[in-house]
Amino acid sequence: MGVKYSKFINVIGAITFEPVSILVECINAEGVQVISIESLEGEYSSIDEFSKYSNRVMEDMKTGDDRIYNFLPLTLPDARQLVDTLNEAIAASEVGP
């Protein structure tokens, strides 16, 4: 499995107004191109720090860590469909009431 692309961003959650970190990667997994989107509550300074804490959250789910963690792996066609849907939602939000 090889990572072909990786981008890490920090944003503010639209509901909680708390920091959220997002990691987007393009991975070649056994000949299949996969787009992976991971998000974790909190602001992290690097991919390494994000990975450390996301792994800890996955391990600690049994012990009650209350940070929200999401992992969404997508094939390329599904990733394109998600992008199209997000673009449509953005366009709709820019149209008056």
PDB file of N, CA and C in Angstrom:
ATOM      1  N   MET A   1       0.846  -1.163   0.000  1.00  0.00           N
ATOM      2  CA  MET A   1       0.000   0.000   0.000  1.00  0.00           C
ATOM      3  C   MET A   1       0.895   1.230   0.000  1.00  0.00           C
ATOM      4  N   GLY A   2       0.690   2.112  -0.971  1.00  0.00           N
ATOM      5  CA  GLY A   2       1.503   3.311  -1.064  1.00  0.00           C
ATOM      6  C   GLY A   2       0.668   4.571  -1.109  1.00  0.00           C
ATOM      7  N   VAL A   3       1.108   5.588  -0.393  1.00  0.00           N
ATOM      8  CA  VAL A   3       0.421   6.881  -0.380  1.00  0.00           C
ATOM      9  C   VAL A   3       0.951   7.717  -1.535  1.00  0.00           C
ATOM     10  N   LYS A   4       0.048   8.121  -2.455  1.00  0.00           N
ATOM     11  CA  LYS A   4       0.429   8.921  -3.612  1.00  0.00           C
ATOM     12  C   LYS A   4       0.245  10.413  -3.368  1.00  0.00           C
ATOM     13  N   TYR A   5      -0.649  10.755  -2.446  1.00  0.00           N
ATOM     14  CA  TYR A   5      -0.952  12.156  -2.166  1.00  0.00           C
ATOM     15  C   TYR A   5      -1.422  12.238  -0.726  1.00  0.00           C
ATOM     16  N   SER A   6      -1.046  13.307  -0.060  1.00  0.00           N
ATOM     17  CA  SER A   6      -1.467  13.496   1.316  1.00  0.00           C
ATOM     18  C   SER A   6      -1.574  14.993   1.601  1.00  0.00           C
ATOM     19  N   LYS A   7      -2.703  15.410   2.160  1.00  0.00           N
ATOM     20  CA  LYS A   7      -2.866  16.807   2.551  1.00  0.00           C
ATOM     21  C   LYS A   7      -3.585  16.851   3.896  1.00  0.00           C
ATOM     22  N   PHE A   8      -3.077  17.706   4.749  1.00  0.00           N
ATOM     23  CA  PHE A   8      -3.557  17.819   6.115  1.00  0.00           C
ATOM     24  C   PHE A   8      -4.024  19.248   6.335  1.00  0.00           C
ATOM     25  N   ILE A   9      -5.264  19.425   6.861  1.00  0.00           N
ATOM     26  CA  ILE A   9      -5.776  20.769   7.121  1.00  0.00           C
ATOM     27  C   ILE A   9      -6.431  20.830   8.498  1.00  0.00           C
ATOM     28  N   ASN A  10      -6.451  22.014   9.067  1.00  0.00           N
ATOM     29  CA  ASN A  10      -7.177  22.282  10.308  1.00  0.00           C
ATOM     30  C   ASN A  10      -8.302  23.252   9.986  1.00  0.00           C
ATOM     31  N   VAL A  11      -9.501  22.937  10.494  1.00  0.00           N
ATOM     32  CA  VAL A  11     -10.678  23.768  10.263  1.00  0.00           C
ATOM     33  C   VAL A  11     -11.411  23.958  11.595  1.00  0.00           C
ATOM     34  N   ILE A  12     -12.470  24.738  11.563  1.00  0.00           N
ATOM     35  CA  ILE A  12     -13.328  24.911  12.729  1.00  0.00           C
ATOM     36  C   ILE A  12     -14.657  24.219  12.436  1.00  0.00           C
ATOM     37  N   GLY A  13     -15.091  23.360  13.347  1.00  0.00           N
ATOM     38  CA  GLY A  13     -16.354  22.640  13.172  1.00  0.00           C
ATOM     39  C   GLY A  13     -17.530  23.606  13.109  1.00  0.00           C
ATOM     40  N   ALA A  14     -18.419  23.402  12.147  1.00  0.00           N
ATOM     41  CA  ALA A  14     -19.533  24.319  11.912  1.00  0.00           C
ATOM     42  C   ALA A  14     -20.586  24.253  13.013  1.00  0.00           C
ATOM     43  N   ILE A  15     -20.657  23.167  13.740  1.00  0.00           N
ATOM     44  CA  ILE A  15     -21.662  23.028  14.796  1.00  0.00           C
ATOM     45  C   ILE A  15     -21.056  23.318  16.168  1.00  0.00           C
ATOM     46  N   THR A  16     -19.893  22.731  16.422  1.00  0.00           N
ATOM     47  CA  THR A  16     -19.270  22.876  17.745  1.00  0.00           C
ATOM     48  C   THR A  16     -18.388  24.113  17.864  1.00  0.00           C
ATOM     49  N   PHE A  17     -17.950  24.655  16.736  1.00  0.00           N
ATOM     50  CA  PHE A  17     -17.002  25.769  16.694  1.00  0.00           C
ATOM     51  C   PHE A  17     -15.681  25.417  17.382  1.00  0.00           C
ATOM     52  N   GLU A  18     -15.385  24.119  17.399  1.00  0.00           N
ATOM     53  CA  GLU A  18     -14.136  23.611  17.953  1.00  0.00           C
ATOM     54  C   GLU A  18     -13.222  23.196  16.802  1.00  0.00           C
ATOM     55  N   PRO A  19     -11.902  23.156  17.028  1.00  0.00           N
ATOM     56  CA  PRO A  19     -10.977  22.735  15.971  1.00  0.00           C
ATOM     57  C   PRO A  19     -11.194  21.274  15.563  1.00  0.00           C
ATOM     58  N   VAL A  20     -11.042  21.048  14.265  1.00  0.00           N
ATOM     59  CA  VAL A  20     -11.108  19.710  13.685  1.00  0.00           C
ATOM     60  C   VAL A  20      -9.964  19.602  12.686  1.00  0.00           C
ATOM     61  N   SER A  21      -9.242  18.498  12.724  1.00  0.00           N
ATOM     62  CA  SER A  21      -8.170  18.260  11.755  1.00  0.00           C
ATOM     63  C   SER A  21      -8.633  17.206  10.763  1.00  0.00           C
ATOM     64  N   ILE A  22      -8.256  17.401   9.501  1.00  0.00           N
ATOM     65  CA  ILE A  22      -8.678  16.503   8.416  1.00  0.00           C
ATOM     66  C   ILE A  22      -7.451  16.088   7.626  1.00  0.00           C
ATOM     67  N   LEU A  23      -7.349  14.794   7.355  1.00  0.00           N
ATOM     68  CA  LEU A  23      -6.278  14.234   6.539  1.00  0.00           C
ATOM     69  C   LEU A  23      -6.904  13.576   5.322  1.00  0.00           C
ATOM     70  N   VAL A  24      -6.505  14.024   4.123  1.00  0.00           N
ATOM     71  CA  VAL A  24      -6.982  13.436   2.869  1.00  0.00           C
ATOM     72  C   VAL A  24      -5.782  12.792   2.180  1.00  0.00           C
ATOM     73  N   GLU A  25      -5.938  11.532   1.792  1.00  0.00           N
ATOM     74  CA  GLU A  25      -4.850  10.819   1.119  1.00  0.00           C
ATOM     75  C   GLU A  25      -5.366  10.047  -0.082  1.00  0.00           C
ATOM     76  N   CYS A  26      -4.509   9.914  -1.081  1.00  0.00           N
ATOM     77  CA  CYS A  26      -4.744   9.015  -2.208  1.00  0.00           C
ATOM     78  C   CYS A  26      -3.797   7.840  -2.012  1.00  0.00           C
ATOM     79  N   ILE A  27      -4.367   6.655  -1.898  1.00  0.00           N
ATOM     80  CA  ILE A  27      -3.596   5.463  -1.574  1.00  0.00           C
ATOM     81  C   ILE A  27      -3.791   4.420  -2.658  1.00  0.00           C
ATOM     82  N   ASN A  28      -2.699   3.772  -3.049  1.00  0.00           N
ATOM     83  CA  ASN A  28      -2.786   2.624  -3.936  1.00  0.00           C
ATOM     84  C   ASN A  28      -2.809   1.388  -3.051  1.00  0.00           C
ATOM     85  N   ALA A  29      -3.993   0.777  -2.943  1.00  0.00           N
ATOM     86  CA  ALA A  29      -4.177  -0.395  -2.083  1.00  0.00           C
ATOM     87  C   ALA A  29      -4.445  -1.613  -2.959  1.00  0.00           C
ATOM     88  N   GLU A  30      -3.422  -2.418  -3.152  1.00  0.00           N
ATOM     89  CA  GLU A  30      -3.539  -3.643  -3.945  1.00  0.00           C
ATOM     90  C   GLU A  30      -4.086  -3.371  -5.342  1.00  0.00           C
ATOM     91  N   GLY A  31      -3.553  -2.329  -5.990  1.00  0.00           N
ATOM     92  CA  GLY A  31      -3.924  -2.008  -7.357  1.00  0.00           C
ATOM     93  C   GLY A  31      -5.167  -1.160  -7.498  1.00  0.00           C
ATOM     94  N   VAL A  32      -5.821  -0.828  -6.396  1.00  0.00           N
ATOM     95  CA  VAL A  32      -7.027  -0.003  -6.420  1.00  0.00           C
ATOM     96  C   VAL A  32      -6.679   1.358  -5.823  1.00  0.00           C
ATOM     97  N   GLN A  33      -7.041   2.419  -6.541  1.00  0.00           N
ATOM     98  CA  GLN A  33      -6.829   3.770  -6.037  1.00  0.00           C
ATOM     99  C   GLN A  33      -7.946   4.098  -5.051  1.00  0.00           C
ATOM    100  N   VAL A  34      -7.577   4.483  -3.846  1.00  0.00           N
ATOM    101  CA  VAL A  34      -8.544   4.803  -2.800  1.00  0.00           C
ATOM    102  C   VAL A  34      -8.275   6.216  -2.306  1.00  0.00           C
ATOM    103  N   ILE A  35      -9.345   6.980  -2.155  1.00  0.00           N
ATOM    104  CA  ILE A  35      -9.257   8.293  -1.518  1.00  0.00           C
ATOM    105  C   ILE A  35      -9.720   8.100  -0.078  1.00  0.00           C
ATOM    106  N   SER A  36      -8.880   8.469   0.865  1.00  0.00           N
ATOM    107  CA  SER A  36      -9.183   8.300   2.277  1.00  0.00           C
ATOM    108  C   SER A  36      -9.334   9.671   2.926  1.00  0.00           C
ATOM    109  N   ILE A  37     -10.435   9.840   3.665  1.00  0.00           N
ATOM    110  CA  ILE A  37     -10.677  11.076   4.399  1.00  0.00           C
ATOM    111  C   ILE A  37     -10.805  10.688   5.872  1.00  0.00           C
ATOM    112  N   GLU A  38      -9.932  11.253   6.702  1.00  0.00           N
ATOM    113  CA  GLU A  38      -9.996  11.023   8.146  1.00  0.00           C
ATOM    114  C   GLU A  38     -10.153  12.370   8.833  1.00  0.00           C
ATOM    115  N   SER A  39     -10.989  12.421   9.845  1.00  0.00           N
ATOM    116  CA  SER A  39     -11.106  13.650  10.628  1.00  0.00           C
ATOM    117  C   SER A  39     -11.083  13.293  12.104  1.00  0.00           C
ATOM    118  N   LEU A  40     -10.548  14.229  12.887  1.00  0.00           N
ATOM    119  CA  LEU A  40     -10.442  14.028  14.325  1.00  0.00           C
ATOM    120  C   LEU A  40     -10.596  15.368  15.018  1.00  0.00           C
ATOM    121  N   GLU A  41     -11.440  15.398  16.043  1.00  0.00           N
ATOM    122  CA  GLU A  41     -11.587  16.624  16.824  1.00  0.00           C
ATOM    123  C   GLU A  41     -10.247  17.019  17.411  1.00  0.00           C
ATOM    124  N   GLY A  42      -9.962  18.300  17.371  1.00  0.00           N
ATOM    125  CA  GLY A  42      -8.713  18.825  17.908  1.00  0.00           C
ATOM    126  C   GLY A  42      -7.877  19.426  16.792  1.00  0.00           C
ATOM    127  N   GLU A  43      -6.897  20.219  17.185  1.00  0.00           N
ATOM    128  CA  GLU A  43      -5.987  20.823  16.216  1.00  0.00           C
ATOM    129  C   GLU A  43      -4.610  20.200  16.404  1.00  0.00           C
ATOM    130  N   TYR A  44      -4.099  19.607  15.339  1.00  0.00           N
ATOM    131  CA  TYR A  44      -2.818  18.908  15.377  1.00  0.00           C
ATOM    132  C   TYR A  44      -1.855  19.614  14.428  1.00  0.00           C
ATOM    133  N   SER A  45      -0.587  19.608  14.762  1.00  0.00           N
ATOM    134  CA  SER A  45       0.396  20.401  14.017  1.00  0.00           C
ATOM    135  C   SER A  45       1.021  19.661  12.850  1.00  0.00           C
ATOM    136  N   SER A  46       0.830  18.352  12.774  1.00  0.00           N
ATOM    137  CA  SER A  46       1.461  17.580  11.697  1.00  0.00           C
ATOM    138  C   SER A  46       0.683  16.297  11.449  1.00  0.00           C
ATOM    139  N   ILE A  47       0.961  15.677  10.311  1.00  0.00           N
ATOM    140  CA  ILE A  47       0.346  14.390   9.996  1.00  0.00           C
ATOM    141  C   ILE A  47       0.758  13.351  11.028  1.00  0.00           C
ATOM    142  N   ASP A  48       2.017  13.386  11.454  1.00  0.00           N
ATOM    143  CA  ASP A  48       2.485  12.412  12.450  1.00  0.00           C
ATOM    144  C   ASP A  48       1.713  12.553  13.764  1.00  0.00           C
ATOM    145  N   GLU A  49       1.541  13.789  14.221  1.00  0.00           N
ATOM    146  CA  GLU A  49       0.801  14.007  15.465  1.00  0.00           C
ATOM    147  C   GLU A  49      -0.657  13.572  15.302  1.00  0.00           C
ATOM    148  N   PHE A  50      -1.273  13.923  14.163  1.00  0.00           N
ATOM    149  CA  PHE A  50      -2.651  13.515  13.875  1.00  0.00           C
ATOM    150  C   PHE A  50      -2.770  11.990  13.897  1.00  0.00           C
ATOM    151  N   SER A  51      -1.846  11.302  13.213  1.00  0.00           N
ATOM    152  CA  SER A  51      -1.878   9.838  13.152  1.00  0.00           C
ATOM    153  C   SER A  51      -1.726   9.224  14.539  1.00  0.00           C
ATOM    154  N   LYS A  52      -0.838   9.794  15.338  1.00  0.00           N
ATOM    155  CA  LYS A  52      -0.626   9.305  16.701  1.00  0.00           C
ATOM    156  C   LYS A  52      -1.930   9.374  17.498  1.00  0.00           C
ATOM    157  N   TYR A  53      -2.609  10.531  17.436  1.00  0.00           N
ATOM    158  CA  TYR A  53      -3.832  10.699  18.206  1.00  0.00           C
ATOM    159  C   TYR A  53      -5.006   9.924  17.608  1.00  0.00           C
ATOM    160  N   SER A  54      -5.082   9.816  16.281  1.00  0.00           N
ATOM    161  CA  SER A  54      -6.180   9.044  15.691  1.00  0.00           C
ATOM    162  C   SER A  54      -6.030   7.568  16.046  1.00  0.00           C
ATOM    163  N   ASN A  55      -4.797   7.067  16.048  1.00  0.00           N
ATOM    164  CA  ASN A  55      -4.569   5.676  16.465  1.00  0.00           C
ATOM    165  C   ASN A  55      -4.948   5.487  17.926  1.00  0.00           C
ATOM    166  N   ARG A  56      -4.591   6.470  18.758  1.00  0.00           N
ATOM    167  CA  ARG A  56      -4.926   6.391  20.183  1.00  0.00           C
ATOM    168  C   ARG A  56      -6.441   6.387  20.379  1.00  0.00           C
ATOM    169  N   VAL A  57      -7.164   7.227  19.626  1.00  0.00           N
ATOM    170  CA  VAL A  57      -8.621   7.277  19.750  1.00  0.00           C
ATOM    171  C   VAL A  57      -9.231   5.941  19.349  1.00  0.00           C
ATOM    172  N   MET A  58      -8.746   5.357  18.243  1.00  0.00           N
ATOM    173  CA  MET A  58      -9.277   4.054  17.820  1.00  0.00           C
ATOM    174  C   MET A  58      -9.035   3.003  18.893  1.00  0.00           C
ATOM    175  N   GLU A  59      -7.855   3.010  19.502  1.00  0.00           N
ATOM    176  CA  GLU A  59      -7.540   2.049  20.560  1.00  0.00           C
ATOM    177  C   GLU A  59      -8.341   2.331  21.823  1.00  0.00           C
ATOM    178  N   ASP A  60      -8.594   3.607  22.108  1.00  0.00           N
ATOM    179  CA  ASP A  60      -9.269   3.996  23.341  1.00  0.00           C
ATOM    180  C   ASP A  60     -10.786   4.012  23.239  1.00  0.00           C
ATOM    181  N   MET A  61     -11.335   3.665  22.072  1.00  0.00           N
ATOM    182  CA  MET A  61     -12.793   3.687  21.944  1.00  0.00           C
ATOM    183  C   MET A  61     -13.431   2.811  23.016  1.00  0.00           C
ATOM    184  N   LYS A  62     -12.742   1.765  23.405  1.00  0.00           N
ATOM    185  CA  LYS A  62     -13.256   0.879  24.443  1.00  0.00           C
ATOM    186  C   LYS A  62     -13.232   1.556  25.805  1.00  0.00           C
ATOM    187  N   THR A  63     -12.341   2.515  25.986  1.00  0.00           N
ATOM    188  CA  THR A  63     -12.183   3.137  27.302  1.00  0.00           C
ATOM    189  C   THR A  63     -12.920   4.460  27.415  1.00  0.00           C
ATOM    190  N   GLY A  64     -13.623   4.865  26.377  1.00  0.00           N
ATOM    191  CA  GLY A  64     -14.486   6.028  26.487  1.00  0.00           C
ATOM    192  C   GLY A  64     -13.890   7.357  26.047  1.00  0.00           C
ATOM    193  N   ASP A  65     -12.894   7.365  25.170  1.00  0.00           N
ATOM    194  CA  ASP A  65     -12.397   8.632  24.630  1.00  0.00           C
ATOM    195  C   ASP A  65     -13.547   9.264  23.858  1.00  0.00           C
ATOM    196  N   ASP A  66     -13.880  10.513  24.167  1.00  0.00           N
ATOM    197  CA  ASP A  66     -15.070  11.108  23.575  1.00  0.00           C
ATOM    198  C   ASP A  66     -14.802  11.995  22.370  1.00  0.00           C
ATOM    199  N   ARG A  67     -13.584  11.998  21.859  1.00  0.00           N
ATOM    200  CA  ARG A  67     -13.332  12.757  20.634  1.00  0.00           C
ATOM    201  C   ARG A  67     -13.978  12.048  19.449  1.00  0.00           C
ATOM    202  N   ILE A  68     -14.496  12.827  18.518  1.00  0.00           N
ATOM    203  CA  ILE A  68     -15.132  12.238  17.341  1.00  0.00           C
ATOM    204  C   ILE A  68     -14.069  11.958  16.295  1.00  0.00           C
ATOM    205  N   TYR A  69     -14.069  10.729  15.787  1.00  0.00           N
ATOM    206  CA  TYR A  69     -13.132  10.294  14.759  1.00  0.00           C
ATOM    207  C   TYR A  69     -13.942   9.699  13.617  1.00  0.00           C
ATOM    208  N   ASN A  70     -13.617  10.082  12.383  1.00  0.00           N
ATOM    209  CA  ASN A  70     -14.280   9.530  11.203  1.00  0.00           C
ATOM    210  C   ASN A  70     -13.239   9.062  10.210  1.00  0.00           C
ATOM    211  N   PHE A  71     -13.515   7.934   9.567  1.00  0.00           N
ATOM    212  CA  PHE A  71     -12.659   7.391   8.523  1.00  0.00           C
ATOM    213  C   PHE A  71     -13.564   7.034   7.361  1.00  0.00           C
ATOM    214  N   LEU A  72     -13.288   7.607   6.185  1.00  0.00           N
ATOM    215  CA  LEU A  72     -14.135   7.405   5.016  1.00  0.00           C
ATOM    216  C   LEU A  72     -13.268   7.063   3.812  1.00  0.00           C
ATOM    217  N   PRO A  73     -13.052   5.761   3.541  1.00  0.00           N
ATOM    218  CA  PRO A  73     -12.305   5.378   2.343  1.00  0.00           C
ATOM    219  C   PRO A  73     -13.260   5.289   1.149  1.00  0.00           C
ATOM    220  N   LEU A  74     -12.841   5.855   0.004  1.00  0.00           N
ATOM    221  CA  LEU A  74     -13.691   5.884  -1.190  1.00  0.00           C
ATOM    222  C   LEU A  74     -12.906   5.446  -2.419  1.00  0.00           C
ATOM    223  N   THR A  75     -13.580   4.729  -3.319  1.00  0.00           N
ATOM    224  CA  THR A  75     -12.980   4.468  -4.623  1.00  0.00           C
ATOM    225  C   THR A  75     -13.023   5.773  -5.417  1.00  0.00           C
ATOM    226  N   LEU A  76     -12.263   5.859  -6.512  1.00  0.00           N
ATOM    227  CA  LEU A  76     -12.238   7.099  -7.292  1.00  0.00           C
ATOM    228  C   LEU A  76     -13.613   7.510  -7.805  1.00  0.00           C
ATOM    229  N   PRO A  77     -14.436   6.593  -8.356  1.00  0.00           N
ATOM    230  CA  PRO A  77     -15.771   7.017  -8.803  1.00  0.00           C
ATOM    231  C   PRO A  77     -16.624   7.572  -7.655  1.00  0.00           C
ATOM    232  N   ASP A  78     -16.532   6.935  -6.488  1.00  0.00           N
ATOM    233  CA  ASP A  78     -17.299   7.415  -5.341  1.00  0.00           C
ATOM    234  C   ASP A  78     -16.771   8.760  -4.843  1.00  0.00           C
ATOM    235  N   ALA A  79     -15.456   8.951  -4.878  1.00  0.00           N
ATOM    236  CA  ALA A  79     -14.862  10.230  -4.477  1.00  0.00           C
ATOM    237  C   ALA A  79     -15.328  11.339  -5.421  1.00  0.00           C
ATOM    238  N   ARG A  80     -15.388  11.040  -6.731  1.00  0.00           N
ATOM    239  CA  ARG A  80     -15.880  12.036  -7.695  1.00  0.00           C
ATOM    240  C   ARG A  80     -17.344  12.388  -7.422  1.00  0.00           C
ATOM    241  N   GLN A  81     -18.134  11.377  -7.076  1.00  0.00           N
ATOM    242  CA  GLN A  81     -19.537  11.611  -6.770  1.00  0.00           C
ATOM    243  C   GLN A  81     -19.657  12.493  -5.515  1.00  0.00           C
ATOM    244  N   LEU A  82     -18.825  12.260  -4.519  1.00  0.00           N
ATOM    245  CA  LEU A  82     -18.831  13.095  -3.324  1.00  0.00           C
ATOM    246  C   LEU A  82     -18.441  14.533  -3.664  1.00  0.00           C
ATOM    247  N   VAL A  83     -17.408  14.710  -4.487  1.00  0.00           N
ATOM    248  CA  VAL A  83     -16.984  16.056  -4.896  1.00  0.00           C
ATOM    249  C   VAL A  83     -18.117  16.761  -5.633  1.00  0.00           C
ATOM    250  N   ASP A  84     -18.767  16.066  -6.565  1.00  0.00           N
ATOM    251  CA  ASP A  84     -19.890  16.656  -7.305  1.00  0.00           C
ATOM    252  C   ASP A  84     -21.005  17.075  -6.352  1.00  0.00           C
ATOM    253  N   THR A  85     -21.318  16.219  -5.393  1.00  0.00           N
ATOM    254  CA  THR A  85     -22.375  16.515  -4.432  1.00  0.00           C
ATOM    255  C   THR A  85     -22.006  17.709  -3.560  1.00  0.00           C
ATOM    256  N   LEU A  86     -20.749  17.755  -3.111  1.00  0.00           N
ATOM    257  CA  LEU A  86     -20.301  18.903  -2.316  1.00  0.00           C
ATOM    258  C   LEU A  86     -20.348  20.192  -3.133  1.00  0.00           C
ATOM    259  N   ASN A  87     -19.931  20.129  -4.410  1.00  0.00           N
ATOM    260  CA  ASN A  87     -20.000  21.308  -5.272  1.00  0.00           C
ATOM    261  C   ASN A  87     -21.438  21.768  -5.473  1.00  0.00           C
ATOM    262  N   GLU A  88     -22.370  20.828  -5.629  1.00  0.00           N
ATOM    263  CA  GLU A  88     -23.774  21.179  -5.762  1.00  0.00           C
ATOM    264  C   GLU A  88     -24.301  21.840  -4.481  1.00  0.00           C
ATOM    265  N   ALA A  89     -23.910  21.308  -3.335  1.00  0.00           N
ATOM    266  CA  ALA A  89     -24.350  21.896  -2.067  1.00  0.00           C
ATOM    267  C   ALA A  89     -23.769  23.298  -1.886  1.00  0.00           C
ATOM    268  N   ILE A  90     -22.520  23.493  -2.277  1.00  0.00           N
ATOM    269  CA  ILE A  90     -21.894  24.820  -2.192  1.00  0.00           C
ATOM    270  C   ILE A  90     -22.613  25.785  -3.117  1.00  0.00           C
ATOM    271  N   ALA A  91     -22.900  25.346  -4.343  1.00  0.00           N
ATOM    272  CA  ALA A  91     -23.615  26.199  -5.289  1.00  0.00           C
ATOM    273  C   ALA A  91     -25.001  26.568  -4.754  1.00  0.00           C
ATOM    274  N   ALA A  92     -25.704  25.598  -4.152  1.00  0.00           N
ATOM    275  CA  ALA A  92     -27.034  25.859  -3.601  1.00  0.00           C
ATOM    276  C   ALA A  92     -26.960  26.859  -2.457  1.00  0.00           C
ATOM    277  N   SER A  93     -25.895  26.782  -1.678  1.00  0.00           N
ATOM    278  CA  SER A  93     -25.771  27.691  -0.532  1.00  0.00           C
ATOM    279  C   SER A  93     -25.510  29.127  -0.979  1.00  0.00           C
ATOM    280  N   GLU A  94     -25.010  29.295  -2.187  1.00  0.00           N
ATOM    281  CA  GLU A  94     -24.692  30.631  -2.701  1.00  0.00           C
ATOM    282  C   GLU A  94     -25.878  31.297  -3.390  1.00  0.00           C
ATOM    283  N   VAL A  95     -26.951  30.539  -3.607  1.00  0.00           N
ATOM    284  CA  VAL A  95     -28.152  31.072  -4.216  1.00  0.00           C
ATOM    285  C   VAL A  95     -29.011  31.683  -3.112  1.00  0.00           C
ATOM    286  N   GLY A  96     -29.642  32.788  -3.419  1.00  0.00           N
ATOM    287  CA  GLY A  96     -30.478  33.456  -2.428  1.00  0.00           C
ATOM    288  C   GLY A  96     -31.587  32.565  -1.907  1.00  0.00           C
ATOM    289  N   PRO A  97     -32.266  33.003  -0.837  1.00  0.00           N
ATOM    290  CA  PRO A  97     -33.309  32.200  -0.195  1.00  0.00           C
ATOM    291  C   PRO A  97     -34.418  31.875  -1.092  1.00  0.00           C
TER     292      PRO A  97
END
